[in-house]
């Protein structure tokens, strides 16, 4: 798809202060995109979890507190969706469970950070069903793409 064939959301990479206009950030460990009144904050799993684990790292908890501050400032109400994703390595059932456990771990951390606010969460695990990028190109695994596909997305509505 060319850059002119469809409208694209604005994307900001955290920590850089730069704004980009394209379908989504392809580099970095955290990105934010906005379509209409919906914001998606995507964090790659390497920032949140040890390999093949679903317990949040100390660095992850710090990042999620920053996300909670953004939610507090901009959230317009409605459910906050937390979507866990994996790459194509491993069995489908295992990846579905891992992605759900990771989404629930992020949910728990956000619930703690947003305590006292009337927030409803919806945590789902998608396994490898919704990759951002192809895991394999020309029959060759692409490690950088797999890393981007291992992520948790926090999706919420913002005030106008």
N, C-alpha and C. Protein backbone atom coordinates (compact mmCIF):
# COMPACT_ATOMS: atom_id res chain seq x y z
N UNK A 1 0.84 -1.17 0.00
CA UNK A 1 0.00 0.00 0.00
C UNK A 1 0.89 1.23 0.00
N UNK A 2 0.61 2.19 -0.87
CA UNK A 2 1.42 3.40 -0.91
C UNK A 2 0.95 4.38 0.15
N UNK A 3 1.79 5.34 0.46
CA UNK A 3 1.47 6.31 1.50
C UNK A 3 0.28 7.18 1.12
N UNK A 4 -0.07 7.25 -0.17
CA UNK A 4 -1.16 8.09 -0.60
C UNK A 4 -2.46 7.33 -0.83
N UNK A 5 -2.45 6.02 -0.65
CA UNK A 5 -3.64 5.25 -0.98
C UNK A 5 -4.69 5.24 0.12
N UNK A 6 -4.33 5.58 1.33
CA UNK A 6 -5.31 5.57 2.41
C UNK A 6 -4.88 6.58 3.47
N UNK A 7 -5.86 7.12 4.22
CA UNK A 7 -5.47 8.01 5.31
C UNK A 7 -4.66 7.25 6.34
N UNK A 8 -3.70 7.91 6.95
CA UNK A 8 -2.87 7.24 7.93
C UNK A 8 -2.95 7.96 9.26
N UNK A 9 -2.86 7.21 10.37
CA UNK A 9 -2.89 7.85 11.68
C UNK A 9 -1.57 8.52 11.99
N UNK A 10 -1.61 9.49 12.88
CA UNK A 10 -0.39 10.12 13.36
C UNK A 10 0.26 9.19 14.37
N UNK A 11 1.57 9.08 14.30
CA UNK A 11 2.28 8.19 15.21
C UNK A 11 3.39 8.97 15.89
N UNK A 12 3.51 8.80 17.20
CA UNK A 12 4.59 9.42 17.95
C UNK A 12 5.38 8.33 18.62
N UNK A 13 6.69 8.34 18.44
CA UNK A 13 7.55 7.40 19.15
C UNK A 13 7.91 8.04 20.48
N UNK A 14 7.64 7.33 21.57
CA UNK A 14 7.93 7.86 22.89
C UNK A 14 9.42 8.10 23.03
N UNK A 15 9.77 9.17 23.71
CA UNK A 15 11.16 9.44 24.02
C UNK A 15 11.90 10.20 22.93
N UNK A 16 11.28 10.41 21.78
CA UNK A 16 11.99 11.10 20.71
C UNK A 16 11.45 12.50 20.49
N UNK A 17 10.18 12.72 20.82
CA UNK A 17 9.58 14.01 20.58
C UNK A 17 9.23 14.24 19.11
N UNK A 18 9.51 13.27 18.25
CA UNK A 18 9.23 13.40 16.82
C UNK A 18 7.85 12.83 16.53
N UNK A 19 7.19 13.44 15.57
CA UNK A 19 5.91 12.93 15.11
C UNK A 19 6.10 12.38 13.72
N UNK A 20 5.43 11.28 13.44
CA UNK A 20 5.48 10.69 12.11
C UNK A 20 4.06 10.47 11.64
N UNK A 21 3.88 10.49 10.35
CA UNK A 21 2.58 10.22 9.77
C UNK A 21 2.71 9.02 8.85
N UNK A 22 2.36 7.85 9.37
CA UNK A 22 2.35 6.63 8.59
C UNK A 22 1.51 5.60 9.31
N UNK A 23 1.43 4.40 8.80
CA UNK A 23 0.53 3.39 9.33
C UNK A 23 0.93 2.90 10.71
N UNK A 24 2.12 3.17 11.17
CA UNK A 24 2.53 2.76 12.51
C UNK A 24 4.03 2.77 12.63
N UNK A 25 4.51 2.96 13.83
CA UNK A 25 5.96 2.94 14.05
C UNK A 25 6.49 1.55 13.80
N UNK A 26 7.62 1.45 13.15
CA UNK A 26 8.22 0.16 12.82
C UNK A 26 9.50 -0.09 13.61
N UNK A 27 9.91 0.88 14.41
CA UNK A 27 11.12 0.71 15.20
C UNK A 27 10.84 1.16 16.62
N UNK A 28 11.72 0.81 17.54
CA UNK A 28 11.55 1.23 18.92
C UNK A 28 10.73 0.24 19.71
N UNK A 29 10.72 0.42 21.01
CA UNK A 29 10.04 -0.53 21.89
C UNK A 29 8.68 -0.05 22.33
N UNK A 30 8.33 1.20 22.05
CA UNK A 30 7.03 1.73 22.42
C UNK A 30 6.61 2.72 21.35
N UNK A 31 5.35 2.65 20.96
CA UNK A 31 4.83 3.59 19.99
C UNK A 31 3.40 3.94 20.34
N UNK A 32 2.95 5.04 19.80
CA UNK A 32 1.58 5.49 20.01
C UNK A 32 1.02 5.87 18.65
N UNK A 33 -0.21 5.44 18.38
CA UNK A 33 -0.88 5.87 17.16
C UNK A 33 -2.29 6.30 17.53
N UNK A 34 -2.85 7.19 16.73
CA UNK A 34 -4.18 7.71 16.99
C UNK A 34 -4.97 7.69 15.70
N UNK A 35 -6.16 7.11 15.77
CA UNK A 35 -7.11 7.15 14.66
C UNK A 35 -8.41 7.68 15.22
N UNK A 36 -8.79 8.86 14.79
CA UNK A 36 -9.97 9.49 15.34
C UNK A 36 -9.78 9.73 16.82
N UNK A 37 -10.70 9.20 17.63
CA UNK A 37 -10.62 9.38 19.09
C UNK A 37 -10.02 8.17 19.78
N UNK A 38 -9.44 7.24 19.03
CA UNK A 38 -8.87 6.02 19.61
C UNK A 38 -7.35 6.08 19.56
N UNK A 39 -6.74 5.88 20.74
CA UNK A 39 -5.28 5.84 20.85
C UNK A 39 -4.86 4.41 21.13
N UNK A 40 -3.81 3.96 20.46
CA UNK A 40 -3.20 2.66 20.72
C UNK A 40 -1.75 2.89 21.14
N UNK A 41 -1.43 2.44 22.35
CA UNK A 41 -0.05 2.46 22.83
C UNK A 41 0.44 1.03 22.73
N UNK A 42 1.47 0.80 21.94
CA UNK A 42 2.02 -0.54 21.74
C UNK A 42 3.39 -0.62 22.40
N UNK A 43 3.57 -1.64 23.23
CA UNK A 43 4.85 -1.89 23.89
C UNK A 43 5.32 -3.27 23.47
N UNK A 44 6.56 -3.36 22.98
CA UNK A 44 7.07 -4.67 22.60
C UNK A 44 7.34 -5.50 23.84
N UNK A 45 7.18 -6.79 23.71
CA UNK A 45 7.29 -7.69 24.85
C UNK A 45 8.66 -7.69 25.49
N UNK A 46 9.71 -7.40 24.70
CA UNK A 46 11.05 -7.39 25.30
C UNK A 46 11.21 -6.30 26.35
N UNK A 47 10.39 -5.25 26.28
CA UNK A 47 10.41 -4.20 27.29
C UNK A 47 9.62 -4.63 28.53
N UNK A 48 8.60 -5.43 28.34
CA UNK A 48 7.69 -5.79 29.42
C UNK A 48 8.06 -7.07 30.17
N UNK A 49 8.58 -8.06 29.44
CA UNK A 49 8.72 -9.41 30.00
C UNK A 49 10.06 -10.03 29.62
N UNK A 50 10.51 -10.96 30.44
CA UNK A 50 11.63 -11.82 30.05
C UNK A 50 11.13 -12.78 28.98
N UNK A 51 12.03 -13.36 28.23
CA UNK A 51 11.67 -14.28 27.16
C UNK A 51 10.79 -15.40 27.68
N UNK A 52 9.64 -15.61 27.02
CA UNK A 52 8.73 -16.72 27.32
C UNK A 52 8.09 -16.61 28.70
N UNK A 53 8.05 -15.41 29.29
CA UNK A 53 7.48 -15.20 30.61
C UNK A 53 6.32 -14.21 30.53
N UNK A 54 5.54 -14.13 31.62
CA UNK A 54 4.45 -13.16 31.66
C UNK A 54 4.45 -12.34 32.95
N UNK A 55 5.56 -12.36 33.68
CA UNK A 55 5.73 -11.51 34.86
C UNK A 55 6.40 -10.22 34.41
N UNK A 56 5.81 -9.08 34.75
CA UNK A 56 6.35 -7.78 34.33
C UNK A 56 7.71 -7.51 34.96
N UNK A 57 8.59 -6.90 34.18
CA UNK A 57 9.88 -6.46 34.70
C UNK A 57 9.70 -5.13 35.44
N UNK A 58 10.70 -4.73 36.21
CA UNK A 58 10.66 -3.43 36.90
C UNK A 58 10.57 -2.29 35.88
N UNK A 59 11.30 -2.43 34.78
CA UNK A 59 11.26 -1.41 33.72
C UNK A 59 9.85 -1.32 33.13
N UNK A 60 9.19 -2.45 33.00
CA UNK A 60 7.83 -2.47 32.46
C UNK A 60 6.87 -1.71 33.36
N UNK A 61 6.99 -1.93 34.66
CA UNK A 61 6.10 -1.24 35.59
C UNK A 61 6.28 0.26 35.51
N UNK A 62 7.51 0.70 35.32
CA UNK A 62 7.79 2.13 35.16
C UNK A 62 7.14 2.65 33.87
N UNK A 63 7.29 1.92 32.78
CA UNK A 63 6.67 2.33 31.51
C UNK A 63 5.16 2.39 31.64
N UNK A 64 4.58 1.42 32.33
CA UNK A 64 3.12 1.37 32.46
C UNK A 64 2.60 2.50 33.35
N UNK A 65 3.39 2.95 34.31
CA UNK A 65 2.99 4.13 35.11
C UNK A 65 2.91 5.36 34.20
N UNK A 66 3.82 5.47 33.25
CA UNK A 66 3.78 6.58 32.30
C UNK A 66 2.53 6.48 31.42
N UNK A 67 2.20 5.27 30.98
CA UNK A 67 0.98 5.07 30.19
C UNK A 67 -0.24 5.43 31.04
N UNK A 68 -0.24 5.05 32.31
CA UNK A 68 -1.36 5.36 33.20
C UNK A 68 -1.53 6.87 33.35
N UNK A 69 -0.43 7.61 33.40
CA UNK A 69 -0.51 9.07 33.47
C UNK A 69 -1.17 9.63 32.22
N UNK A 70 -0.83 9.07 31.08
CA UNK A 70 -1.45 9.50 29.82
C UNK A 70 -2.94 9.20 29.83
N UNK A 71 -3.31 8.01 30.29
CA UNK A 71 -4.72 7.64 30.37
C UNK A 71 -5.45 8.60 31.30
N UNK A 72 -4.87 8.89 32.45
CA UNK A 72 -5.49 9.81 33.41
C UNK A 72 -5.75 11.17 32.78
N UNK A 73 -4.80 11.67 32.00
CA UNK A 73 -4.91 12.99 31.40
C UNK A 73 -5.85 13.04 30.21
N UNK A 74 -5.94 11.96 29.43
CA UNK A 74 -6.62 12.03 28.14
C UNK A 74 -7.83 11.12 27.97
N UNK A 75 -8.03 10.18 28.86
CA UNK A 75 -9.07 9.16 28.69
C UNK A 75 -10.45 9.79 28.68
N UNK A 76 -11.29 9.37 27.74
CA UNK A 76 -12.64 9.90 27.58
C UNK A 76 -13.71 8.98 28.18
N UNK A 77 -13.31 7.90 28.80
CA UNK A 77 -14.28 6.94 29.32
C UNK A 77 -14.37 5.74 28.39
N UNK A 78 -15.17 4.78 28.78
CA UNK A 78 -15.29 3.55 28.01
C UNK A 78 -14.21 2.56 28.41
N UNK A 79 -14.32 1.35 27.91
CA UNK A 79 -13.35 0.31 28.31
C UNK A 79 -11.96 0.59 27.76
N UNK A 80 -10.97 0.14 28.49
CA UNK A 80 -9.59 0.16 28.02
C UNK A 80 -9.26 -1.27 27.61
N UNK A 81 -8.94 -1.44 26.33
CA UNK A 81 -8.64 -2.78 25.81
C UNK A 81 -7.15 -3.03 25.88
N UNK A 82 -6.79 -4.22 26.35
CA UNK A 82 -5.39 -4.62 26.41
C UNK A 82 -5.27 -5.90 25.61
N UNK A 83 -4.52 -5.82 24.52
CA UNK A 83 -4.41 -6.92 23.57
C UNK A 83 -2.99 -7.48 23.56
N UNK A 84 -2.85 -8.76 23.90
CA UNK A 84 -1.56 -9.41 23.88
C UNK A 84 -1.34 -10.13 22.56
N UNK A 85 -0.10 -10.08 22.07
CA UNK A 85 0.26 -10.70 20.79
C UNK A 85 1.60 -11.41 20.92
N UNK A 86 1.78 -12.47 20.14
CA UNK A 86 3.06 -13.18 20.08
C UNK A 86 3.51 -13.24 18.62
N UNK A 87 4.70 -13.82 18.41
CA UNK A 87 5.14 -14.09 17.05
C UNK A 87 4.67 -15.50 16.66
N UNK A 88 5.20 -16.03 15.57
CA UNK A 88 4.75 -17.32 15.04
C UNK A 88 5.50 -18.51 15.60
N UNK A 89 6.43 -18.28 16.52
CA UNK A 89 7.19 -19.40 17.06
C UNK A 89 6.42 -20.06 18.19
N UNK A 90 6.40 -21.37 18.22
CA UNK A 90 5.70 -22.11 19.26
C UNK A 90 4.31 -22.55 18.81
N UNK A 91 3.69 -23.37 19.63
CA UNK A 91 2.36 -23.91 19.34
C UNK A 91 1.30 -22.82 19.49
N UNK A 92 0.26 -22.89 18.66
CA UNK A 92 -0.81 -21.90 18.68
C UNK A 92 -1.46 -21.79 20.06
N UNK A 93 -1.82 -22.93 20.67
CA UNK A 93 -2.47 -22.89 21.98
C UNK A 93 -1.57 -22.24 23.02
N UNK A 94 -0.30 -22.57 23.01
CA UNK A 94 0.64 -21.98 23.96
C UNK A 94 0.72 -20.47 23.76
N UNK A 95 0.84 -20.03 22.51
CA UNK A 95 0.93 -18.60 22.22
C UNK A 95 -0.33 -17.85 22.63
N UNK A 96 -1.50 -18.47 22.43
CA UNK A 96 -2.74 -17.83 22.87
C UNK A 96 -2.74 -17.63 24.38
N UNK A 97 -2.35 -18.64 25.12
CA UNK A 97 -2.31 -18.54 26.58
C UNK A 97 -1.27 -17.52 27.04
N UNK A 98 -0.08 -17.54 26.43
CA UNK A 98 0.97 -16.60 26.80
C UNK A 98 0.52 -15.17 26.54
N UNK A 99 -0.07 -14.93 25.38
CA UNK A 99 -0.50 -13.57 25.05
C UNK A 99 -1.61 -13.09 26.00
N UNK A 100 -2.51 -13.97 26.40
CA UNK A 100 -3.56 -13.61 27.35
C UNK A 100 -2.97 -13.32 28.73
N UNK A 101 -2.05 -14.16 29.17
CA UNK A 101 -1.41 -13.93 30.48
C UNK A 101 -0.65 -12.61 30.50
N UNK A 102 0.00 -12.28 29.41
CA UNK A 102 0.72 -11.02 29.33
C UNK A 102 -0.26 -9.84 29.34
N UNK A 103 -1.36 -9.96 28.62
CA UNK A 103 -2.37 -8.89 28.63
C UNK A 103 -2.93 -8.70 30.04
N UNK A 104 -3.18 -9.79 30.74
CA UNK A 104 -3.70 -9.70 32.11
C UNK A 104 -2.67 -9.10 33.07
N UNK A 105 -1.39 -9.38 32.87
CA UNK A 105 -0.35 -8.79 33.71
C UNK A 105 -0.31 -7.27 33.52
N UNK A 106 -0.43 -6.82 32.28
CA UNK A 106 -0.47 -5.39 32.00
C UNK A 106 -1.73 -4.78 32.60
N UNK A 107 -2.85 -5.47 32.47
CA UNK A 107 -4.10 -5.00 33.05
C UNK A 107 -3.95 -4.79 34.56
N UNK A 108 -3.39 -5.75 35.24
CA UNK A 108 -3.23 -5.66 36.69
C UNK A 108 -2.37 -4.46 37.07
N UNK A 109 -1.27 -4.24 36.35
CA UNK A 109 -0.40 -3.10 36.64
C UNK A 109 -1.13 -1.78 36.40
N UNK A 110 -1.90 -1.71 35.33
CA UNK A 110 -2.64 -0.48 35.05
C UNK A 110 -3.75 -0.26 36.08
N UNK A 111 -4.41 -1.34 36.50
CA UNK A 111 -5.44 -1.21 37.54
C UNK A 111 -4.85 -0.61 38.80
N UNK A 112 -3.67 -1.07 39.18
CA UNK A 112 -3.01 -0.54 40.37
C UNK A 112 -2.64 0.93 40.17
N UNK A 113 -2.12 1.28 39.00
CA UNK A 113 -1.71 2.65 38.73
C UNK A 113 -2.91 3.60 38.61
N UNK A 114 -4.05 3.06 38.20
CA UNK A 114 -5.26 3.88 38.01
C UNK A 114 -6.27 3.67 39.13
N UNK A 115 -5.84 3.16 40.27
CA UNK A 115 -6.77 2.87 41.35
C UNK A 115 -7.55 4.13 41.72
N UNK A 116 -8.81 3.93 42.03
CA UNK A 116 -9.68 5.05 42.36
C UNK A 116 -10.41 5.62 41.16
N UNK A 117 -10.04 5.20 39.96
CA UNK A 117 -10.74 5.66 38.77
C UNK A 117 -11.70 4.58 38.29
N UNK A 118 -12.85 4.97 37.79
CA UNK A 118 -13.86 3.99 37.35
C UNK A 118 -13.53 3.40 35.98
N UNK A 119 -12.50 2.59 35.93
CA UNK A 119 -12.01 2.05 34.66
C UNK A 119 -12.47 0.60 34.49
N UNK A 120 -12.91 0.27 33.29
CA UNK A 120 -13.23 -1.10 32.92
C UNK A 120 -12.19 -1.56 31.91
N UNK A 121 -11.63 -2.74 32.13
CA UNK A 121 -10.62 -3.29 31.25
C UNK A 121 -11.17 -4.49 30.50
N UNK A 122 -10.66 -4.69 29.29
CA UNK A 122 -10.94 -5.89 28.50
C UNK A 122 -9.59 -6.44 28.04
N UNK A 123 -9.16 -7.55 28.62
CA UNK A 123 -7.88 -8.15 28.24
C UNK A 123 -8.13 -9.34 27.32
N UNK A 124 -7.41 -9.37 26.20
CA UNK A 124 -7.52 -10.48 25.25
C UNK A 124 -6.14 -10.90 24.78
N UNK A 125 -6.02 -12.17 24.51
CA UNK A 125 -4.80 -12.70 23.92
C UNK A 125 -5.09 -13.17 22.50
N UNK A 126 -4.27 -12.73 21.56
CA UNK A 126 -4.46 -13.09 20.16
C UNK A 126 -3.41 -14.06 19.65
N UNK A 127 -2.41 -14.39 20.47
CA UNK A 127 -1.36 -15.26 19.98
C UNK A 127 -0.69 -14.64 18.78
N UNK A 128 -0.52 -15.43 17.73
CA UNK A 128 0.13 -14.95 16.51
C UNK A 128 -0.86 -14.52 15.44
N UNK A 129 -2.16 -14.42 15.77
CA UNK A 129 -3.21 -14.18 14.79
C UNK A 129 -3.19 -12.80 14.15
N UNK A 130 -2.63 -11.80 14.81
CA UNK A 130 -2.67 -10.43 14.28
C UNK A 130 -1.27 -9.80 14.26
N UNK A 131 -0.40 -10.31 13.40
CA UNK A 131 0.96 -9.72 13.36
C UNK A 131 0.94 -8.31 12.76
N UNK A 132 1.85 -7.47 13.23
CA UNK A 132 2.03 -6.15 12.63
C UNK A 132 2.81 -6.27 11.33
N UNK A 133 3.75 -7.20 11.32
CA UNK A 133 4.65 -7.40 10.18
C UNK A 133 4.76 -8.89 9.90
N UNK A 134 5.10 -9.29 8.68
CA UNK A 134 5.25 -10.72 8.39
C UNK A 134 6.44 -11.31 9.16
N UNK A 135 6.22 -12.45 9.81
CA UNK A 135 7.29 -13.12 10.54
C UNK A 135 8.29 -13.76 9.59
N UNK A 136 7.82 -14.15 8.40
CA UNK A 136 8.67 -14.84 7.42
C UNK A 136 8.50 -14.16 6.07
N UNK A 137 9.61 -13.88 5.40
CA UNK A 137 9.59 -13.30 4.06
C UNK A 137 10.50 -14.14 3.18
N UNK A 138 9.99 -14.54 2.04
CA UNK A 138 10.76 -15.38 1.12
C UNK A 138 11.31 -16.62 1.82
N UNK A 139 10.46 -17.25 2.62
CA UNK A 139 10.78 -18.48 3.35
C UNK A 139 11.89 -18.30 4.39
N UNK A 140 12.20 -17.05 4.75
CA UNK A 140 13.23 -16.79 5.75
C UNK A 140 12.61 -16.06 6.94
N UNK A 141 12.87 -16.55 8.16
CA UNK A 141 12.37 -15.84 9.34
C UNK A 141 13.05 -14.47 9.49
N UNK A 142 12.26 -13.48 9.85
CA UNK A 142 12.77 -12.12 10.04
C UNK A 142 12.69 -11.81 11.53
N UNK A 143 13.83 -11.90 12.21
CA UNK A 143 13.86 -11.72 13.67
C UNK A 143 13.35 -10.35 14.10
N UNK A 144 13.68 -9.30 13.38
CA UNK A 144 13.23 -7.95 13.75
C UNK A 144 11.71 -7.86 13.68
N UNK A 145 11.10 -8.48 12.68
CA UNK A 145 9.64 -8.47 12.57
C UNK A 145 9.01 -9.29 13.69
N UNK A 146 9.59 -10.43 13.99
CA UNK A 146 9.08 -11.25 15.09
C UNK A 146 9.10 -10.45 16.39
N UNK A 147 10.17 -9.71 16.61
CA UNK A 147 10.28 -8.90 17.83
C UNK A 147 9.18 -7.85 17.89
N UNK A 148 8.85 -7.22 16.77
CA UNK A 148 7.78 -6.20 16.73
C UNK A 148 6.40 -6.84 16.93
N UNK A 149 6.25 -8.08 16.51
CA UNK A 149 4.96 -8.76 16.67
C UNK A 149 4.70 -9.21 18.10
N UNK A 150 5.75 -9.41 18.87
CA UNK A 150 5.61 -9.77 20.29
C UNK A 150 5.36 -8.47 21.06
N UNK A 151 4.09 -8.18 21.33
CA UNK A 151 3.74 -6.88 21.89
C UNK A 151 2.45 -6.95 22.70
N UNK A 152 2.23 -5.91 23.49
CA UNK A 152 0.95 -5.69 24.16
C UNK A 152 0.49 -4.30 23.74
N UNK A 153 -0.76 -4.22 23.31
CA UNK A 153 -1.34 -2.94 22.90
C UNK A 153 -2.40 -2.51 23.92
N UNK A 154 -2.35 -1.24 24.29
CA UNK A 154 -3.32 -0.66 25.20
C UNK A 154 -4.12 0.33 24.36
N UNK A 155 -5.43 0.10 24.24
CA UNK A 155 -6.28 0.85 23.34
C UNK A 155 -7.38 1.55 24.15
N UNK A 156 -7.50 2.88 23.96
CA UNK A 156 -8.52 3.61 24.71
C UNK A 156 -8.97 4.83 23.94
N UNK A 157 -10.15 5.35 24.30
CA UNK A 157 -10.71 6.56 23.69
C UNK A 157 -10.20 7.78 24.43
N UNK A 158 -9.95 8.85 23.68
CA UNK A 158 -9.46 10.09 24.28
C UNK A 158 -10.48 11.20 24.09
N UNK A 159 -10.34 12.22 24.92
CA UNK A 159 -11.21 13.39 24.84
C UNK A 159 -10.96 14.14 23.54
N UNK A 160 -11.98 14.80 23.06
CA UNK A 160 -11.81 15.61 21.84
C UNK A 160 -11.09 16.89 22.13
